[in-house]
Amino acid sequence: MNSLKNGSDYYVRGEEPSEEMNNSYLRVFENIPVGIAVVDCEGNCHYVNSRLCRMLDRSEQELLGTGF
């Protein structure tokens, strides 16, 4: 799984998120019952969960980096 980087919700204080916080966030992200993506201001996907992939009938590789 991709890790959260600068610009994510957890990158607020100018420091990298702890591995525990990152893993916790990603577990919730993957297990949430809706499709969700981490998207930058230009509409490029940096992470998508499996539910969104199923909803859009696209693979993770097809959605990553593309603009909506």
N, C-alpha and C. Protein backbone atom coordinates (compact mmCIF):
# COMPACT_ATOMS: atom_id res chain seq x y z
N MET A 1 0.83 -1.20 0.00
CA MET A 1 0.00 0.00 0.00
C MET A 1 0.86 1.25 0.00
N ASN A 2 0.36 2.27 -0.58
CA ASN A 2 1.06 3.55 -0.59
C ASN A 2 1.02 4.16 0.81
N SER A 3 2.06 4.89 1.14
CA SER A 3 2.05 5.59 2.42
C SER A 3 1.65 7.03 2.21
N LEU A 4 1.17 7.65 3.25
CA LEU A 4 0.75 9.05 3.19
C LEU A 4 1.97 9.94 3.10
N LYS A 5 1.88 10.97 2.31
CA LYS A 5 3.00 11.87 2.08
C LYS A 5 2.61 13.30 2.41
N ASN A 6 3.52 14.21 2.20
CA ASN A 6 3.27 15.63 2.36
C ASN A 6 2.01 16.00 1.58
N GLY A 7 1.10 16.72 2.22
CA GLY A 7 -0.15 17.10 1.58
C GLY A 7 -1.33 16.27 2.06
N SER A 8 -1.08 15.19 2.78
CA SER A 8 -2.17 14.37 3.28
C SER A 8 -2.72 14.97 4.56
N ASP A 9 -3.85 14.44 5.02
CA ASP A 9 -4.47 14.92 6.25
C ASP A 9 -3.55 14.81 7.45
N TYR A 10 -2.70 13.79 7.49
CA TYR A 10 -1.84 13.58 8.64
C TYR A 10 -0.54 14.36 8.55
N TYR A 11 -0.26 14.97 7.42
CA TYR A 11 0.97 15.74 7.26
C TYR A 11 0.64 17.20 7.54
N VAL A 12 0.36 17.49 8.81
CA VAL A 12 -0.09 18.83 9.19
C VAL A 12 1.02 19.60 9.87
N ARG A 13 1.81 18.94 10.66
CA ARG A 13 2.81 19.62 11.48
C ARG A 13 4.19 19.66 10.84
N GLY A 14 4.29 19.33 9.56
CA GLY A 14 5.59 19.34 8.90
C GLY A 14 6.44 18.13 9.22
N GLU A 15 5.83 17.08 9.74
CA GLU A 15 6.58 15.87 10.05
C GLU A 15 5.85 14.67 9.45
N GLU A 16 6.61 13.64 9.14
CA GLU A 16 6.01 12.44 8.58
C GLU A 16 5.13 11.76 9.64
N PRO A 17 4.00 11.16 9.21
CA PRO A 17 3.17 10.43 10.17
C PRO A 17 3.90 9.20 10.68
N SER A 18 3.60 8.81 11.90
CA SER A 18 4.22 7.59 12.43
C SER A 18 3.71 6.40 11.63
N GLU A 19 4.47 5.33 11.64
CA GLU A 19 4.06 4.12 10.92
C GLU A 19 2.75 3.59 11.48
N GLU A 20 2.58 3.67 12.81
CA GLU A 20 1.33 3.20 13.44
C GLU A 20 0.14 4.02 12.96
N MET A 21 0.28 5.34 12.90
CA MET A 21 -0.81 6.20 12.45
C MET A 21 -1.11 5.94 10.97
N ASN A 22 -0.08 5.79 10.18
CA ASN A 22 -0.24 5.52 8.77
C ASN A 22 -0.97 4.19 8.55
N ASN A 23 -0.55 3.15 9.25
CA ASN A 23 -1.19 1.84 9.11
C ASN A 23 -2.64 1.87 9.57
N SER A 24 -2.92 2.59 10.65
CA SER A 24 -4.28 2.71 11.16
C SER A 24 -5.17 3.41 10.13
N TYR A 25 -4.68 4.51 9.58
CA TYR A 25 -5.42 5.26 8.57
C TYR A 25 -5.70 4.38 7.34
N LEU A 26 -4.70 3.64 6.89
CA LEU A 26 -4.87 2.81 5.70
C LEU A 26 -5.83 1.65 5.95
N ARG A 27 -5.85 1.10 7.16
CA ARG A 27 -6.82 0.04 7.48
C ARG A 27 -8.24 0.58 7.40
N VAL A 28 -8.48 1.76 7.95
CA VAL A 28 -9.80 2.38 7.86
C VAL A 28 -10.14 2.68 6.41
N PHE A 29 -9.20 3.24 5.70
CA PHE A 29 -9.39 3.61 4.30
C PHE A 29 -9.81 2.41 3.47
N GLU A 30 -9.17 1.27 3.68
CA GLU A 30 -9.47 0.08 2.90
C GLU A 30 -10.76 -0.60 3.35
N ASN A 31 -11.13 -0.48 4.61
CA ASN A 31 -12.30 -1.19 5.12
C ASN A 31 -13.56 -0.36 5.18
N ILE A 32 -13.51 0.90 4.83
CA ILE A 32 -14.69 1.75 4.83
C ILE A 32 -15.66 1.24 3.76
N PRO A 33 -16.95 1.26 4.03
CA PRO A 33 -17.91 0.64 3.09
C PRO A 33 -18.27 1.51 1.88
N VAL A 34 -17.46 2.51 1.56
CA VAL A 34 -17.70 3.36 0.39
C VAL A 34 -16.40 3.46 -0.42
N GLY A 35 -16.52 3.84 -1.68
CA GLY A 35 -15.36 4.08 -2.51
C GLY A 35 -14.74 5.41 -2.14
N ILE A 36 -13.43 5.44 -2.01
CA ILE A 36 -12.75 6.67 -1.60
C ILE A 36 -11.38 6.72 -2.27
N ALA A 37 -10.92 7.95 -2.53
CA ALA A 37 -9.61 8.14 -3.14
C ALA A 37 -8.93 9.34 -2.50
N VAL A 38 -7.61 9.32 -2.51
CA VAL A 38 -6.81 10.47 -2.13
C VAL A 38 -6.46 11.15 -3.46
N VAL A 39 -6.93 12.39 -3.62
CA VAL A 39 -6.79 13.11 -4.88
C VAL A 39 -6.15 14.47 -4.60
N ASP A 40 -5.22 14.88 -5.46
CA ASP A 40 -4.59 16.19 -5.28
C ASP A 40 -5.45 17.29 -5.90
N CYS A 41 -5.00 18.51 -5.80
CA CYS A 41 -5.77 19.67 -6.28
C CYS A 41 -6.00 19.64 -7.78
N GLU A 42 -5.19 18.90 -8.51
CA GLU A 42 -5.33 18.81 -9.96
C GLU A 42 -6.19 17.63 -10.39
N GLY A 43 -6.72 16.88 -9.42
CA GLY A 43 -7.59 15.75 -9.72
C GLY A 43 -6.87 14.44 -9.97
N ASN A 44 -5.59 14.36 -9.66
CA ASN A 44 -4.83 13.14 -9.85
C ASN A 44 -4.93 12.24 -8.62
N CYS A 45 -5.26 10.99 -8.83
CA CYS A 45 -5.39 10.02 -7.74
C CYS A 45 -4.02 9.58 -7.27
N HIS A 46 -3.86 9.57 -5.95
CA HIS A 46 -2.63 9.07 -5.35
C HIS A 46 -2.88 7.75 -4.65
N TYR A 47 -4.11 7.49 -4.27
CA TYR A 47 -4.49 6.23 -3.64
C TYR A 47 -5.98 6.02 -3.83
N VAL A 48 -6.38 4.81 -4.13
CA VAL A 48 -7.80 4.45 -4.23
C VAL A 48 -8.01 3.17 -3.44
N ASN A 49 -9.19 3.03 -2.84
CA ASN A 49 -9.45 1.78 -2.13
C ASN A 49 -10.12 0.77 -3.08
N SER A 50 -10.15 -0.47 -2.68
CA SER A 50 -10.67 -1.54 -3.53
C SER A 50 -12.16 -1.36 -3.83
N ARG A 51 -12.91 -0.77 -2.92
CA ARG A 51 -14.34 -0.54 -3.15
C ARG A 51 -14.54 0.41 -4.33
N LEU A 52 -13.77 1.47 -4.41
CA LEU A 52 -13.87 2.40 -5.53
C LEU A 52 -13.50 1.71 -6.85
N CYS A 53 -12.49 0.89 -6.81
CA CYS A 53 -12.10 0.14 -8.01
C CYS A 53 -13.25 -0.73 -8.49
N ARG A 54 -13.91 -1.42 -7.56
CA ARG A 54 -15.06 -2.25 -7.94
C ARG A 54 -16.21 -1.41 -8.47
N MET A 55 -16.48 -0.27 -7.82
CA MET A 55 -17.59 0.59 -8.24
C MET A 55 -17.37 1.11 -9.66
N LEU A 56 -16.14 1.46 -9.99
CA LEU A 56 -15.83 2.03 -11.30
C LEU A 56 -15.41 0.98 -12.31
N ASP A 57 -15.31 -0.27 -11.86
CA ASP A 57 -14.88 -1.38 -12.70
C ASP A 57 -13.54 -1.08 -13.36
N ARG A 58 -12.61 -0.58 -12.56
CA ARG A 58 -11.26 -0.24 -13.01
C ARG A 58 -10.25 -0.78 -12.00
N SER A 59 -9.06 -1.05 -12.47
CA SER A 59 -8.00 -1.50 -11.57
C SER A 59 -7.38 -0.29 -10.88
N GLU A 60 -6.66 -0.56 -9.80
CA GLU A 60 -5.98 0.52 -9.08
C GLU A 60 -5.00 1.23 -10.02
N GLN A 61 -4.27 0.45 -10.83
CA GLN A 61 -3.30 1.03 -11.75
C GLN A 61 -3.97 1.96 -12.78
N GLU A 62 -5.18 1.63 -13.20
CA GLU A 62 -5.90 2.48 -14.16
C GLU A 62 -6.31 3.82 -13.54
N LEU A 63 -6.59 3.82 -12.24
CA LEU A 63 -7.08 5.04 -11.58
C LEU A 63 -5.96 5.92 -11.05
N LEU A 64 -4.86 5.35 -10.66
CA LEU A 64 -3.76 6.13 -10.09
C LEU A 64 -3.16 7.06 -11.11
N GLY A 65 -3.01 8.32 -10.70
CA GLY A 65 -2.36 9.31 -11.55
C GLY A 65 -3.26 9.93 -12.59
N THR A 66 -4.46 9.40 -12.78
CA THR A 66 -5.35 9.97 -13.79
C THR A 66 -6.19 11.07 -13.18
N GLY A 67 -6.58 12.02 -13.96
CA GLY A 67 -7.45 13.08 -13.49
C GLY A 67 -8.91 12.68 -13.64
N PHE A 68 -9.72 13.09 -12.69
CA PHE A 68 -11.15 12.79 -12.77
C PHE A 68 -11.83 13.83 -13.63
